[in-house]
Protein backbone atom coordinates (compact mmCIF):
# COMPACT_ATOMS: atom_id res chain seq x y z
CA MET A 1 -0.06 0.02 0.11
CA CYS A 2 2.72 2.45 1.19
CA LYS A 3 4.75 1.57 -2.04
CA SER A 4 1.93 2.20 -4.37
CA ILE A 5 1.21 5.71 -2.82
CA VAL A 6 4.93 6.72 -3.07
CA SER A 7 4.92 5.33 -6.68
CA SER A 8 1.77 7.35 -7.73
CA LEU A 9 3.29 10.56 -6.15
CA LEU A 10 6.79 10.02 -7.30
CA LEU A 11 6.21 9.19 -11.16
CA PRO A 12 4.05 12.33 -12.01
CA SER A 13 6.83 14.44 -10.26
CA VAL A 14 9.63 12.81 -12.36
CA PHE A 15 7.34 13.25 -15.47
CA ILE A 16 6.89 16.94 -14.74
CA LEU A 17 10.61 17.50 -14.14
CA TRP A 18 11.50 15.77 -17.13
CA THR A 19 8.92 17.72 -19.23
CA VAL A 20 10.13 21.02 -17.65
CA GLY A 21 13.90 20.26 -18.39
CA CYS A 22 13.15 19.12 -22.00
CA SER A 23 10.96 22.38 -22.74
CA SER A 24 13.72 24.78 -21.36
CA GLN A 25 16.38 22.87 -23.22
CA SER A 26 14.34 23.08 -26.53
CA GLU A 27 13.65 26.93 -25.97
CA GLU A 28 17.44 27.32 -25.21
CA ALA A 29 18.25 25.49 -28.44
CA SER A 30 15.73 27.58 -30.50
CA ARG A 31 17.43 30.73 -29.27
CA SER A 32 20.93 29.44 -30.02
CA LYS A 33 21.06 30.31 -33.71
CA ALA A 34 19.27 32.79 -35.91
CA LYS A 35 16.77 31.57 -38.41
CA GLY A 36 16.64 32.64 -42.08
CA PRO A 37 14.95 35.89 -43.20
CA PRO A 38 11.20 36.22 -43.09
CA LEU A 39 10.88 36.10 -46.75
CA GLU A 40 7.09 36.46 -46.90
CA PHE A 41 7.27 39.48 -44.63
CA ILE A 42 9.90 41.11 -46.80
CA LYS A 43 8.18 40.40 -49.96
CA LYS A 44 4.93 42.08 -48.88
CA LYS A 45 6.75 45.15 -47.56
CA LYS A 46 8.79 45.54 -50.87
CA GLU A 47 5.64 45.16 -52.77
CA ALA A 48 3.94 47.80 -50.58
CA LYS A 49 7.12 50.19 -50.94
CA GLU A 50 7.03 49.79 -54.81
CA LYS A 51 3.33 50.85 -54.84
CA ALA A 52 3.63 53.83 -52.44
CA ALA A 53 3.76 57.39 -53.74
CA PRO A 54 7.42 58.53 -53.97
CA SER A 55 6.52 61.61 -51.60
CA SER A 56 5.00 59.46 -48.95
CA VAL A 57 6.52 59.75 -45.30
CA PRO A 58 8.46 56.57 -44.46
CA GLU A 59 6.98 54.48 -41.53
CA VAL A 60 8.01 51.61 -39.58
CA GLU A 61 5.71 48.65 -40.28
CA PHE A 62 5.60 45.67 -38.09
CA GLU A 63 3.77 42.41 -37.61
CA ASP A 64 3.43 40.61 -34.16
CA VAL A 65 4.44 37.07 -34.36
CA LYS A 66 3.76 36.47 -30.70
CA VAL A 67 2.26 38.95 -28.36
CA GLY A 68 4.04 38.98 -24.94
CA VAL A 69 2.62 39.55 -21.42
CA GLY A 70 3.18 42.35 -18.75
CA PRO A 71 3.61 45.89 -18.95
CA PRO A 72 4.66 47.23 -22.48
CA ILE A 73 7.89 48.85 -23.46
CA THR A 74 7.54 52.60 -23.37
CA GLU A 75 9.88 55.52 -24.20
CA GLY A 76 11.77 55.39 -20.95
CA SER A 77 12.02 51.60 -20.63
CA SER A 78 15.13 49.47 -20.74
CA ALA A 79 14.85 46.26 -22.47
CA THR A 80 16.89 43.09 -23.09
CA VAL A 81 16.06 41.57 -26.59
CA ASP A 82 17.39 38.83 -28.98
CA TYR A 83 17.23 40.03 -32.51
CA THR A 84 18.31 39.34 -36.00
CA GLY A 85 18.85 42.12 -38.63
CA TRP A 86 18.47 41.63 -42.42
CA LEU A 87 18.79 43.86 -45.51
CA ALA A 88 15.83 43.95 -47.62
CA ASP A 89 17.40 41.39 -49.95
CA GLY A 90 17.53 38.84 -47.11
CA THR A 91 21.33 39.27 -46.36
CA LYS A 92 21.65 38.87 -42.56
CA PHE A 93 23.85 41.56 -41.00
CA ASP A 94 23.60 41.11 -37.36
CA SER A 95 22.19 38.66 -34.83
CA THR A 96 22.35 38.44 -30.91
CA LEU A 97 21.45 34.75 -31.47
CA ASP A 98 24.68 34.04 -33.28
CA LYS A 99 26.65 35.81 -30.69
CA LYS A 100 24.70 34.06 -27.95
CA GLN A 101 24.53 37.47 -26.16
CA PRO A 102 21.20 39.35 -25.78
CA TYR A 103 21.13 43.20 -26.40
CA THR A 104 20.20 45.42 -23.41
CA PHE A 105 19.47 49.14 -24.08
CA ARG A 106 17.31 52.10 -22.96
CA LEU A 107 14.76 52.97 -25.66
CA SER A 108 15.47 56.62 -25.34
CA SER A 109 19.15 56.14 -25.93
CA PRO A 110 20.55 58.30 -28.83
CA TYR A 111 22.40 55.15 -30.17
CA ILE A 112 19.09 53.46 -30.92
CA ILE A 113 17.79 53.82 -34.49
CA ARG A 114 14.38 55.86 -34.87
CA GLY A 115 12.90 52.58 -36.29
CA TRP A 116 13.48 50.58 -33.10
CA LYS A 117 12.26 53.54 -31.00
CA GLU A 118 8.98 53.48 -32.92
CA GLY A 119 8.76 49.82 -33.70
CA LEU A 120 9.39 48.34 -30.24
CA LEU A 121 6.82 50.57 -28.39
CA GLY A 122 4.16 48.37 -26.95
CA MET A 123 5.84 45.19 -27.04
CA LYS A 124 5.70 43.12 -23.87
CA THR A 125 8.08 40.40 -22.35
CA GLY A 126 8.08 37.14 -24.55
CA GLY A 127 6.72 39.00 -27.54
CA THR A 128 8.17 38.60 -31.05
CA ARG A 129 7.84 41.13 -33.68
CA LEU A 130 8.95 41.59 -37.35
CA LEU A 131 9.84 45.23 -38.13
CA TRP A 132 10.20 46.87 -41.52
CA VAL A 133 12.53 49.89 -41.04
CA PRO A 134 12.71 52.11 -44.11
CA ALA A 135 16.23 53.71 -44.63
CA GLY A 136 15.33 57.09 -43.47
CA LEU A 137 14.52 55.67 -40.08
CA GLY A 138 17.49 53.26 -39.79
CA TYR A 139 21.00 54.43 -40.87
CA GLY A 140 19.84 56.54 -43.77
CA LYS A 141 22.10 57.99 -46.47
CA ALA A 142 25.24 57.17 -44.26
CA GLY A 143 24.45 53.53 -43.94
CA GLN A 144 26.65 51.64 -41.47
CA GLU A 145 29.42 50.17 -43.69
CA PRO A 146 30.42 47.54 -44.46
CA GLU A 147 27.38 45.63 -43.01
CA ILE A 148 24.68 48.08 -44.01
CA PRO A 149 25.04 50.02 -47.25
CA PRO A 150 23.58 53.57 -47.76
CA ASN A 151 19.71 54.05 -48.10
CA ALA A 152 19.15 50.22 -46.99
CA ASP A 153 15.77 49.31 -45.82
CA LEU A 154 16.17 46.88 -42.93
CA VAL A 155 14.21 44.07 -41.36
CA PHE A 156 14.55 42.77 -37.77
CA GLU A 157 13.06 39.95 -35.92
CA ILE A 158 12.91 41.04 -32.30
CA HIS A 159 12.15 38.87 -29.18
CA VAL A 160 11.63 40.67 -25.91
CA LEU A 161 13.39 38.79 -22.97
CA LYS A 162 13.04 41.52 -20.21
CA ILE A 163 11.73 45.04 -19.69
CA GLU A 164 12.60 47.35 -16.75
């Protein structure tokens, strides 16, 4: 009798620990390397850009892949994120996933491009967003050679790990 009670309590606990251990390993594995560019997102944004009037004001466009939880990023927030950045042709220029080092910053920092300042507002912890940043809201005419040429539209996939 006592043996069956212990077995019935112990087995579910072992299963839960095994399940939790596996899910955290798979989450870590999924964060360990950047995926390829979001080609459908890039295609939609390029088509929209081609159809837009030449005098239209550039705007950041985004698509939430996953909505996070908790308080949102605001202008005064500090955030820790994983991100991958691509040029509009799909060429990757940077990724915290490849470096295995998340990026922490204050959204109001003068070192953050305007496209991020506008595009990250409202994101929550655990959220993932695709951003289309037109050149004028990224690095503009100067670019950020050699990785980012002048007048380059940029695409980012950003996953919020922490907000303070």
